[in-house]
Amino acid sequence: MADFADIIDQNQMKEHMQNALSTGKVSHAYIISGENGSGKEYIARIFAKALQCEHRENKNEYIEACNECHSCVQALSDNHPDIITITHEKPNSIGVDDIREKLRDDVVIKPYESEYKIYIIPEGEKMTQAAQNALLKTLEEPPSYIVIIILTNNINAFLQTIISRCIVLPMKPVKDDSIRKYLMEECHVVDYKAVLCASFARGNVGKALELASNERFDELKNGTIELVSKLKGLEIHDMMDRVHELLAPSEEDDKNSKKGIDTKALEDFMDVLLFLFRDMLVYKATEEDNHLIFTDKISYIRDATRSCTYDGINRIIKNMETAKNRINSNVNIDIALELMLLGIKENL
């Protein structure tokens, strides 16, 4: 039974929605923009449930849905006739027919039970230009009772005429401490892992939750740090064999792979390396472990920093940035990783 009090940070967005609930000045259209996994739909459904609630109440410093009335029960079971999610059959686009049939032609029908008729459009960036033009006709002359909530990971995908007729509510990155606290208190994740997941999530709660329950990520993290610890004794072909083993796509991820490398795992691999050498810099400067991300690897970090210099670690980080740029520029991934690993080996 998620409520406004359960939303982590996002104070500006909560304040706007709370003001709408308290004054009754509800816009006919909103765009909630943010990364995948950032909680856009989670927040949209909390707002929609509160808008439709028959007995809103003040609790925990927020105006909240009661979670008990008929409307709330329907909303909680995703079975509310006046909270409509726009789905689409084509995986990569929301076509004009989807918008015409499920929204534009439907808005003329008044709400069945509630004050508002709320349309939620996930993956709004997938709307074709024709679909956006069809939506625009409704936005230009909206019935008084409709609320359209468009969710997107790319605000630039919309026509300016769409954006100008909506209130845009951007998701803000959630503070690491807020994510860490949530993982530890609500999800019972151990402290060192909560710190790690919060750091890697970069403000994205959904990504932090996914990492906390992802066994493969743990294997990748441990395997990557083990690879670095053994680089001195490895030839280049041994290094690359280990990298390919770490980054091999599973069957379900194969469609998202490049030349036998899981692109998501590659991103995490590069992040693990970046955070590892960042930890080395921090430990070399302070000789304290309370600001480290990989607190479970303190023994290796302590030993490694004895034999490497500040300049060496900084050169490694620059080599990694170069490798990332090469990969993003479609340079052969194996060549980019080989050069990076040789640079790490030389400077450790």
Protein backbone atom coordinates (compact mmCIF):
# COMPACT_ATOMS: atom_id res chain seq x y z
CA MET A 1 0.00 0.00 0.00
CA ALA A 2 2.48 2.60 -1.22
CA ASP A 3 1.82 6.21 -0.18
CA PHE A 4 3.57 9.58 -0.55
CA ALA A 5 5.43 8.90 2.70
CA ASP A 6 7.01 5.86 1.02
CA ILE A 7 8.52 7.86 -1.86
CA ILE A 8 12.24 8.32 -1.25
CA ASP A 9 13.30 11.98 -1.67
CA GLN A 10 11.65 13.61 -4.75
CA ASN A 11 10.51 16.44 -2.48
CA GLN A 12 9.79 18.91 -5.27
CA MET A 13 7.51 16.44 -7.06
CA LYS A 14 5.73 15.44 -3.85
CA GLU A 15 5.21 19.11 -2.97
CA HIS A 16 3.60 19.79 -6.35
CA MET A 17 1.28 16.80 -6.10
CA GLN A 18 0.38 17.61 -2.51
CA ASN A 19 -0.52 21.14 -3.51
CA ALA A 20 -2.78 19.79 -6.26
CA LEU A 21 -4.52 17.51 -3.76
CA SER A 22 -4.99 20.25 -1.17
CA THR A 23 -6.22 22.98 -3.53
CA GLY A 24 -8.01 20.86 -6.12
CA LYS A 25 -6.00 22.61 -8.85
CA VAL A 26 -5.14 19.47 -10.77
CA SER A 27 -3.58 19.84 -14.23
CA HIS A 28 -5.11 17.98 -17.15
CA ALA A 29 -1.67 16.64 -18.14
CA TYR A 30 1.68 15.81 -16.53
CA ILE A 31 4.96 14.45 -17.85
CA ILE A 32 7.06 12.57 -15.29
CA SER A 33 10.55 12.18 -16.74
CA GLY A 34 13.40 10.08 -15.39
CA GLU A 35 15.58 7.04 -15.93
CA ASN A 36 14.15 3.57 -16.28
CA GLY A 37 13.76 2.13 -12.80
CA SER A 38 13.66 5.53 -11.11
CA GLY A 39 10.09 5.04 -9.87
CA LYS A 40 8.04 7.10 -12.34
CA GLU A 41 5.10 4.70 -12.51
CA TYR A 42 5.27 4.04 -8.76
CA ILE A 43 4.77 7.76 -8.09
CA ALA A 44 2.13 8.16 -10.80
CA ARG A 45 0.01 5.41 -9.27
CA ILE A 46 0.31 6.88 -5.76
CA PHE A 47 -0.88 10.22 -7.16
CA ALA A 48 -3.69 8.61 -9.16
CA LYS A 49 -4.88 6.60 -6.15
CA ALA A 50 -4.92 9.73 -3.96
CA LEU A 51 -6.80 11.75 -6.59
CA GLN A 52 -9.55 9.12 -6.77
CA CYS A 53 -9.74 8.37 -3.03
CA GLU A 54 -13.16 8.97 -1.44
CA HIS A 55 -11.79 9.73 2.04
CA ARG A 56 -8.33 11.32 1.83
CA GLU A 57 -6.65 11.86 5.17
CA ASN A 58 -3.72 13.76 6.61
CA LYS A 59 -1.05 11.46 7.97
CA ASN A 60 2.74 11.45 8.11
CA GLU A 61 2.71 15.12 7.05
CA TYR A 62 1.07 14.22 3.74
CA ILE A 63 -2.41 14.13 2.25
CA GLU A 64 -2.75 10.41 1.60
CA ALA A 65 -5.28 8.01 0.14
CA CYS A 66 -7.13 6.11 2.86
CA ASN A 67 -6.34 2.74 1.23
CA GLU A 68 -9.68 1.41 2.48
CA CYS A 69 -12.48 2.97 0.41
CA HIS A 70 -13.93 1.25 -2.65
CA SER A 71 -11.85 3.42 -4.99
CA CYS A 72 -8.60 2.67 -3.16
CA VAL A 73 -9.30 -1.07 -3.10
CA GLN A 74 -9.81 -0.98 -6.87
CA ALA A 75 -6.66 1.11 -7.42
CA LEU A 76 -4.56 -1.21 -5.27
CA SER A 77 -5.71 -4.20 -7.29
CA ASP A 78 -5.03 -2.39 -10.60
CA ASN A 79 -8.72 -2.75 -11.36
CA HIS A 80 -9.98 0.83 -11.19
CA PRO A 81 -12.27 1.70 -14.14
CA ASP A 82 -11.19 5.34 -14.04
CA ILE A 83 -7.42 4.73 -13.85
CA ILE A 84 -6.48 3.55 -17.33
CA THR A 85 -3.02 2.43 -18.45
CA ILE A 86 -2.35 2.89 -22.16
CA THR A 87 -0.75 -0.31 -23.46
CA HIS A 88 0.67 -0.96 -26.92
CA GLU A 89 1.12 -4.12 -28.96
CA LYS A 90 4.28 -3.13 -30.81
CA PRO A 91 7.24 -3.33 -28.40
CA ASN A 92 9.11 -0.33 -29.78
CA SER A 93 6.37 2.14 -30.58
CA ILE A 94 3.04 3.52 -29.42
CA GLY A 95 1.08 4.05 -32.59
CA VAL A 96 -1.64 6.48 -33.54
CA ASP A 97 -4.30 3.77 -33.24
CA ASP A 98 -3.26 3.09 -29.62
CA ILE A 99 -3.80 6.74 -28.71
CA ARG A 100 -6.97 7.17 -30.76
CA GLU A 101 -8.74 4.06 -29.51
CA LYS A 102 -7.57 3.95 -25.92
CA LEU A 103 -7.46 7.65 -25.11
CA ARG A 104 -8.76 10.18 -27.63
CA ASP A 105 -12.01 8.31 -28.40
CA ASP A 106 -12.40 7.28 -24.75
CA VAL A 107 -12.13 10.68 -23.07
CA VAL A 108 -15.63 11.65 -24.22
CA ILE A 109 -17.01 9.04 -21.82
CA LYS A 110 -17.28 10.56 -18.34
CA PRO A 111 -15.74 8.84 -15.31
CA TYR A 112 -17.67 5.75 -14.22
CA GLU A 113 -17.32 6.24 -10.47
CA SER A 114 -14.79 8.92 -9.61
CA GLU A 115 -14.16 12.63 -9.93
CA TYR A 116 -11.38 12.12 -12.46
CA LYS A 117 -10.62 9.87 -15.39
CA ILE A 118 -6.86 9.26 -15.26
CA TYR A 119 -4.78 7.96 -18.15
CA ILE A 120 -1.25 6.73 -17.47
CA ILE A 121 1.04 6.36 -20.51
CA PRO A 122 4.22 4.37 -19.67
CA GLU A 123 7.16 4.62 -22.10
CA GLY A 124 5.70 7.80 -23.56
CA GLU A 125 8.87 8.41 -25.56
CA LYS A 126 7.74 5.55 -27.81
CA MET A 127 4.80 7.54 -29.17
CA THR A 128 5.15 8.09 -32.89
CA GLN A 129 4.74 11.62 -34.23
CA ALA A 130 1.28 10.67 -35.50
CA ALA A 131 0.37 9.35 -32.03
CA GLN A 132 1.62 12.58 -30.44
CA ASN A 133 -0.46 14.62 -32.85
CA ALA A 134 -3.51 12.55 -31.96
CA LEU A 135 -2.80 13.15 -28.25
CA LEU A 136 -2.32 16.86 -28.93
CA LYS A 137 -5.93 17.20 -30.06
CA THR A 138 -7.05 16.03 -26.60
CA LEU A 139 -4.52 18.25 -24.79
CA GLU A 140 -5.76 21.30 -26.70
CA GLU A 141 -9.38 20.82 -25.62
CA PRO A 142 -9.36 18.48 -22.60
CA PRO A 143 -12.58 17.59 -20.77
CA SER A 144 -12.51 19.01 -17.24
CA TYR A 145 -12.38 15.56 -15.62
CA ILE A 146 -9.35 14.03 -17.35
CA VAL A 147 -5.80 13.75 -16.03
CA ILE A 148 -3.14 12.38 -18.39
CA ILE A 149 0.16 11.26 -16.84
CA ILE A 150 2.89 10.58 -19.40
CA LEU A 151 5.96 8.67 -18.19
CA THR A 152 9.21 8.93 -20.11
CA ASN A 153 12.95 8.41 -19.96
CA ASN A 154 13.50 10.98 -22.73
CA ILE A 155 11.70 14.31 -22.56
CA ASN A 156 13.34 15.31 -25.86
CA ALA A 157 11.29 12.68 -27.71
CA PHE A 158 8.17 14.85 -27.52
CA LEU A 159 6.88 17.59 -29.76
CA GLN A 160 7.32 20.98 -28.16
CA THR A 161 3.57 21.50 -28.47
CA ILE A 162 3.04 18.44 -26.22
CA ILE A 163 5.55 19.64 -23.62
CA SER A 164 4.08 23.15 -23.53
CA ARG A 165 0.64 21.77 -22.63
CA CYS A 166 1.86 19.56 -19.77
CA ILE A 167 3.37 20.16 -16.35
CA VAL A 168 6.81 18.53 -16.48
CA LEU A 169 7.93 16.85 -13.26
CA PRO A 170 11.52 15.57 -13.51
CA MET A 171 12.73 12.78 -11.25
CA LYS A 172 15.78 13.86 -9.25
CA PRO A 173 18.63 11.45 -8.37
CA VAL A 174 18.00 10.06 -4.89
CA LYS A 175 20.77 10.67 -2.34
CA ASP A 176 23.04 7.68 -1.71
CA ASP A 177 22.36 7.86 2.03
CA SER A 178 18.60 7.70 1.42
CA ILE A 179 18.97 4.63 -0.80
CA ARG A 180 21.36 2.96 1.64
CA LYS A 181 18.97 3.56 4.56
CA TYR A 182 16.02 2.21 2.56
CA LEU A 183 17.91 -0.94 1.54
CA MET A 184 19.02 -1.63 5.10
CA GLU A 185 15.78 -0.81 6.93
CA GLU A 186 13.12 -1.91 4.46
CA CYS A 187 14.88 -4.62 2.46
CA HIS A 188 17.22 -5.92 5.20
CA VAL A 189 20.31 -5.65 3.00
CA VAL A 190 23.58 -5.86 4.96
CA ASP A 191 25.40 -2.55 5.43
CA TYR A 192 28.40 -3.01 3.12
CA LYS A 193 26.18 -4.29 0.29
CA ALA A 194 23.71 -1.41 0.77
CA VAL A 195 26.58 1.08 0.42
CA LEU A 196 27.78 -0.69 -2.72
CA CYS A 197 24.33 -0.84 -4.36
CA ALA A 198 23.58 2.79 -3.52
CA SER A 199 26.87 3.91 -5.06
CA PHE A 200 26.37 1.93 -8.25
CA ALA A 201 22.73 3.00 -8.61
CA ARG A 202 23.69 6.67 -9.02
CA GLY A 203 20.45 7.91 -7.55
CA ASN A 204 18.19 5.31 -9.17
CA VAL A 205 16.24 3.39 -6.51
CA GLY A 206 15.06 0.72 -8.95
CA LYS A 207 18.61 -0.03 -10.02
CA ALA A 208 19.72 -0.26 -6.39
CA LEU A 209 16.94 -2.77 -5.64
CA GLU A 210 17.86 -4.79 -8.72
CA LEU A 211 21.54 -4.87 -7.77
CA ALA A 212 20.75 -5.88 -4.19
CA SER A 213 18.97 -9.01 -5.40
CA ASN A 214 21.23 -9.77 -8.37
CA GLU A 215 23.55 -12.68 -7.66
CA ARG A 216 25.29 -12.22 -11.00
CA PHE A 217 26.31 -8.70 -10.02
CA ASP A 218 28.01 -10.08 -6.90
CA GLU A 219 29.84 -12.62 -9.05
CA LEU A 220 30.87 -9.91 -11.52
CA LYS A 221 32.12 -7.62 -8.76
CA ASN A 222 34.16 -10.34 -7.06
CA GLY A 223 35.47 -11.69 -10.38
CA THR A 224 36.52 -8.24 -11.59
CA ILE A 225 38.44 -7.41 -8.42
CA GLU A 226 40.05 -10.87 -8.45
CA LEU A 227 41.12 -10.25 -12.07
CA VAL A 228 42.77 -6.95 -11.09
CA SER A 229 44.53 -8.57 -8.15
CA LYS A 230 46.09 -11.17 -10.47
CA LEU A 231 46.89 -8.98 -13.48
CA LYS A 232 50.63 -8.91 -12.76
CA GLY A 233 50.91 -12.63 -13.42
CA LEU A 234 48.62 -12.87 -16.45
CA GLU A 235 49.39 -12.73 -20.15
CA ILE A 236 47.02 -10.75 -22.35
CA HIS A 237 45.21 -13.85 -23.66
CA ASP A 238 44.61 -15.01 -20.06
CA MET A 239 43.24 -11.56 -19.16
CA MET A 240 40.82 -11.58 -22.08
CA ASP A 241 39.70 -15.15 -21.42
CA ARG A 242 38.73 -14.09 -17.90
CA VAL A 243 37.01 -10.94 -19.17
CA HIS A 244 34.95 -12.93 -21.69
CA GLU A 245 33.96 -15.35 -18.96
CA LEU A 246 32.85 -12.48 -16.71
CA LEU A 247 30.93 -10.69 -19.46
CA ALA A 248 29.41 -13.64 -21.30
CA PRO A 249 25.68 -13.03 -21.86
CA SER A 250 23.09 -15.41 -20.49
CA GLU A 251 20.61 -16.88 -22.97
CA GLU A 252 17.98 -14.28 -22.08
CA ASP A 253 20.51 -11.44 -22.39
CA ASP A 254 21.98 -12.66 -25.66
CA LYS A 255 19.84 -10.27 -27.71
CA ASN A 256 21.45 -7.35 -25.83
CA SER A 257 25.01 -8.52 -26.43
CA LYS A 258 27.79 -7.22 -28.67
CA LYS A 259 30.14 -9.84 -30.11
CA GLY A 260 29.56 -12.24 -27.23
CA ILE A 261 29.68 -9.57 -24.50
CA ASP A 262 26.66 -8.62 -22.41
CA THR A 263 26.47 -4.83 -22.71
CA LYS A 264 24.87 -4.42 -19.28
CA ALA A 265 27.59 -6.55 -17.67
CA LEU A 266 30.21 -4.50 -19.53
CA GLU A 267 28.82 -1.29 -17.99
CA ASP A 268 28.92 -2.84 -14.52
CA PHE A 269 32.45 -4.20 -15.14
CA MET A 270 33.71 -0.71 -16.00
CA ASP A 271 31.92 0.76 -12.98
CA VAL A 272 33.45 -1.83 -10.64
CA LEU A 273 36.91 -0.90 -11.92
CA LEU A 274 36.23 2.81 -11.60
CA PHE A 275 34.96 2.53 -8.02
CA LEU A 276 37.80 0.17 -7.08
CA PHE A 277 40.48 2.66 -8.15
CA ARG A 278 38.52 5.50 -6.59
CA ASP A 279 38.63 3.51 -3.33
CA MET A 280 42.39 3.09 -3.74
CA LEU A 281 42.83 6.85 -4.10
CA VAL A 282 40.68 7.50 -1.02
CA TYR A 283 42.49 4.91 1.08
CA LYS A 284 45.92 6.09 -0.06
CA ALA A 285 45.00 9.62 1.01
CA THR A 286 43.33 8.79 4.34
CA GLU A 287 44.33 5.23 5.31
CA GLU A 288 40.75 4.90 6.60
CA ASP A 289 38.07 2.55 5.35
CA ASN A 290 34.94 4.41 6.46
CA HIS A 291 34.58 6.22 3.12
CA LEU A 292 35.17 3.21 0.89
CA ILE A 293 32.58 1.59 -1.36
CA PHE A 294 34.21 -1.86 -1.41
CA THR A 295 34.56 -2.18 2.35
CA ASP A 296 34.51 -5.97 2.00
CA LYS A 297 37.72 -5.74 -0.07
CA ILE A 298 39.70 -3.60 2.38
CA SER A 299 42.51 -6.17 2.70
CA TYR A 300 43.26 -6.10 -1.03
CA ILE A 301 42.86 -2.31 -1.28
CA ARG A 302 45.28 -1.82 1.63
CA ASP A 303 47.88 -4.09 0.05
CA ALA A 304 47.48 -2.61 -3.47
CA THR A 305 47.90 0.99 -2.35
CA ARG A 306 51.28 0.21 -0.80
CA SER A 307 52.82 -0.56 -4.18
CA CYS A 308 51.10 1.98 -6.46
CA THR A 309 51.40 5.76 -6.67
CA TYR A 310 48.81 8.54 -6.95
CA ASP A 311 50.02 9.20 -10.49
CA GLY A 312 49.71 5.52 -11.35
CA ILE A 313 46.12 5.32 -10.14
CA ASN A 314 45.23 8.54 -11.97
CA ARG A 315 46.76 7.15 -15.17
CA ILE A 316 44.66 4.01 -14.75
CA ILE A 317 41.49 6.08 -14.39
CA LYS A 318 42.38 8.11 -17.50
CA ASN A 319 43.01 4.86 -19.41
CA MET A 320 39.55 3.68 -18.36
CA GLU A 321 37.95 6.91 -19.59
CA THR A 322 39.75 6.43 -22.91
CA ALA A 323 38.48 2.83 -23.12
CA LYS A 324 34.90 3.95 -22.44
CA ASN A 325 35.13 6.57 -25.16
CA ARG A 326 36.51 4.02 -27.59
CA ILE A 327 33.73 1.55 -26.82
CA ASN A 328 31.09 4.28 -27.20
CA SER A 329 32.66 5.17 -30.54
CA ASN A 330 32.24 1.55 -31.71
CA VAL A 331 35.93 0.72 -31.60
CA ASN A 332 36.45 -3.05 -31.31
CA ILE A 333 35.55 -3.86 -27.68
CA ASP A 334 38.28 -6.48 -27.24
CA ILE A 335 40.98 -4.09 -28.43
CA ALA A 336 39.70 -1.30 -26.14
CA LEU A 337 39.62 -3.64 -23.13
CA GLU A 338 43.05 -5.13 -23.92
CA LEU A 339 44.68 -1.69 -23.99
CA MET A 340 42.91 -0.70 -20.79
CA LEU A 341 43.95 -3.84 -18.92
CA LEU A 342 47.57 -3.50 -20.08
CA GLY A 343 47.52 0.08 -18.77
CA ILE A 344 46.17 -1.12 -15.41
CA LYS A 345 48.82 -3.83 -15.23
CA GLU A 346 51.59 -1.37 -16.03
CA ASN A 347 50.54 1.19 -13.40
CA LEU A 348 49.54 -1.06 -10.48
